[in-house]
Amino acid sequence: MALQQIEHADDHMQECIDNCFEAAQVCEWCADACADEEGMARCIRLCRDVADVASLHARWMARNSGYHRELAALCADVCEECLEECERHDHDHCQACAEVLPDCVESCREMASA
């Protein structure tokens, strides 16, 4: 994998990059699927926020931005709020988010405190 060649990315950072990209992907899917469901505006907004901030955080880590730790904290907060929202819904796409987001929250919190 190309990302494993990034010299500054230790195992924790690499795991966080992977978790962020996975969260972004599942949240994009969830937001799109929620568009067909009534009353899912909040879920759509939060999933779109996660997709944006998680992919940005992964990119900042990959380029070793001096600000990625601050963004890690924000990413964890947004993922946590989205997780709470998705857990409230029985849709498969929401449950997929609820399954993926805890890992992103945990690894981003770890990056924020490193």
Protein backbone atom coordinates (compact mmCIF):
# COMPACT_ATOMS: atom_id res chain seq x y z
CA MET A 1 0.00 0.00 0.00
CA ALA A 2 1.36 3.41 -0.98
CA LEU A 3 0.37 5.05 2.31
CA GLN A 4 2.61 2.69 4.24
CA GLN A 5 5.56 4.39 2.55
CA ILE A 6 4.91 7.68 4.34
CA GLU A 7 7.93 7.97 6.62
CA HIS A 8 6.31 10.12 9.30
CA ALA A 9 3.19 7.93 9.64
CA ASP A 10 3.62 5.53 12.54
CA ASP A 11 1.15 2.69 13.11
CA HIS A 12 -1.25 4.91 15.08
CA MET A 13 -1.32 7.61 12.42
CA GLN A 14 -1.72 5.05 9.63
CA GLU A 15 -4.64 3.47 11.49
CA CYS A 16 -6.23 6.90 11.91
CA ILE A 17 -5.79 7.68 8.21
CA ASP A 18 -7.46 4.38 7.32
CA ASN A 19 -10.28 4.96 9.83
CA CYS A 20 -10.90 8.48 8.52
CA PHE A 21 -11.12 7.34 4.91
CA GLU A 22 -13.45 4.49 5.87
CA ALA A 23 -15.66 6.88 7.86
CA ALA A 24 -15.77 9.31 4.95
CA GLN A 25 -16.82 6.57 2.55
CA VAL A 26 -19.54 5.06 4.71
CA CYS A 27 -20.90 8.50 5.59
CA GLU A 28 -21.09 9.50 1.93
CA TRP A 29 -23.08 6.33 1.27
CA CYS A 30 -25.32 6.93 4.29
CA ALA A 31 -26.02 10.56 3.36
CA ASP A 32 -26.95 9.52 -0.16
CA ALA A 33 -29.20 6.69 1.04
CA CYS A 34 -30.84 8.93 3.65
CA ALA A 35 -31.87 11.33 0.89
CA ASP A 36 -34.56 8.78 -0.03
CA GLU A 37 -35.87 8.62 3.55
CA GLU A 38 -38.25 11.06 5.18
CA GLY A 39 -37.07 12.93 8.27
CA MET A 40 -33.37 12.23 7.81
CA ALA A 41 -32.08 15.79 7.27
CA ARG A 42 -29.98 15.85 10.47
CA CYS A 43 -28.40 12.49 9.64
CA ILE A 44 -27.58 13.68 6.12
CA ARG A 45 -25.97 16.88 7.40
CA LEU A 46 -23.87 15.09 10.01
CA CYS A 47 -22.77 12.39 7.58
CA ARG A 48 -21.72 15.03 5.07
CA ASP A 49 -19.80 16.84 7.82
CA VAL A 50 -18.01 13.62 8.74
CA ALA A 51 -17.18 12.85 5.12
CA ASP A 52 -15.65 16.30 4.68
CA VAL A 53 -13.73 16.61 7.94
CA ALA A 54 -12.54 12.97 8.03
CA SER A 55 -11.17 13.07 4.48
CA LEU A 56 -9.51 16.43 5.21
CA HIS A 57 -8.00 15.06 8.41
CA ALA A 58 -6.61 12.02 6.58
CA ARG A 59 -5.05 14.27 3.95
CA TRP A 60 -3.53 16.54 6.59
CA MET A 61 -2.01 13.57 8.38
CA ALA A 62 -0.61 12.21 5.10
CA ARG A 63 1.21 15.47 4.43
CA ASN A 64 2.23 15.86 8.09
CA SER A 65 0.41 19.16 8.55
CA GLY A 66 1.30 20.98 11.73
CA TYR A 67 -2.43 21.42 12.37
CA HIS A 68 -3.63 17.83 12.08
CA ARG A 69 -3.88 17.37 15.86
CA GLU A 70 -6.33 20.25 16.16
CA LEU A 71 -8.35 18.85 13.28
CA ALA A 72 -8.25 15.41 14.92
CA ALA A 73 -10.19 16.74 17.90
CA LEU A 74 -12.83 18.30 15.66
CA CYS A 75 -13.07 15.14 13.58
CA ALA A 76 -13.63 13.04 16.70
CA ASP A 77 -16.37 15.41 17.91
CA VAL A 78 -18.20 15.40 14.57
CA CYS A 79 -17.90 11.61 14.26
CA GLU A 80 -19.24 11.16 17.78
CA GLU A 81 -22.28 13.32 17.10
CA CYS A 82 -22.94 11.52 13.82
CA LEU A 83 -22.57 8.17 15.58
CA GLU A 84 -25.21 9.14 18.12
CA GLU A 85 -27.58 10.19 15.32
CA CYS A 86 -27.01 7.09 13.19
CA GLU A 87 -27.54 4.78 16.18
CA ARG A 88 -31.09 6.14 16.41
CA HIS A 89 -32.04 4.74 12.98
CA ASP A 90 -32.60 1.16 11.85
CA HIS A 91 -31.55 1.68 8.22
CA ASP A 92 -28.68 -0.52 7.08
CA HIS A 93 -26.66 2.50 5.98
CA CYS A 94 -27.08 4.18 9.37
CA GLN A 95 -26.10 0.99 11.17
CA ALA A 96 -23.01 0.72 8.94
CA CYS A 97 -22.02 4.22 10.09
CA ALA A 98 -22.64 3.28 13.70
CA GLU A 99 -20.32 0.31 13.22
CA VAL A 100 -17.46 2.26 11.59
CA LEU A 101 -17.50 5.59 13.43
CA PRO A 102 -16.35 4.42 16.90
CA ASP A 103 -12.95 3.42 15.48
CA CYS A 104 -12.59 6.83 13.86
CA VAL A 105 -13.56 8.60 17.08
CA GLU A 106 -11.02 6.58 19.07
CA SER A 107 -8.11 6.97 16.67
CA CYS A 108 -8.78 10.70 16.18
CA ARG A 109 -8.89 11.25 19.95
CA GLU A 110 -5.57 9.42 20.16
CA MET A 111 -4.10 11.65 17.43
CA ALA A 112 -5.41 14.79 19.15
CA SER A 113 -3.71 13.88 22.41
CA ALA A 114 -0.41 12.68 20.89
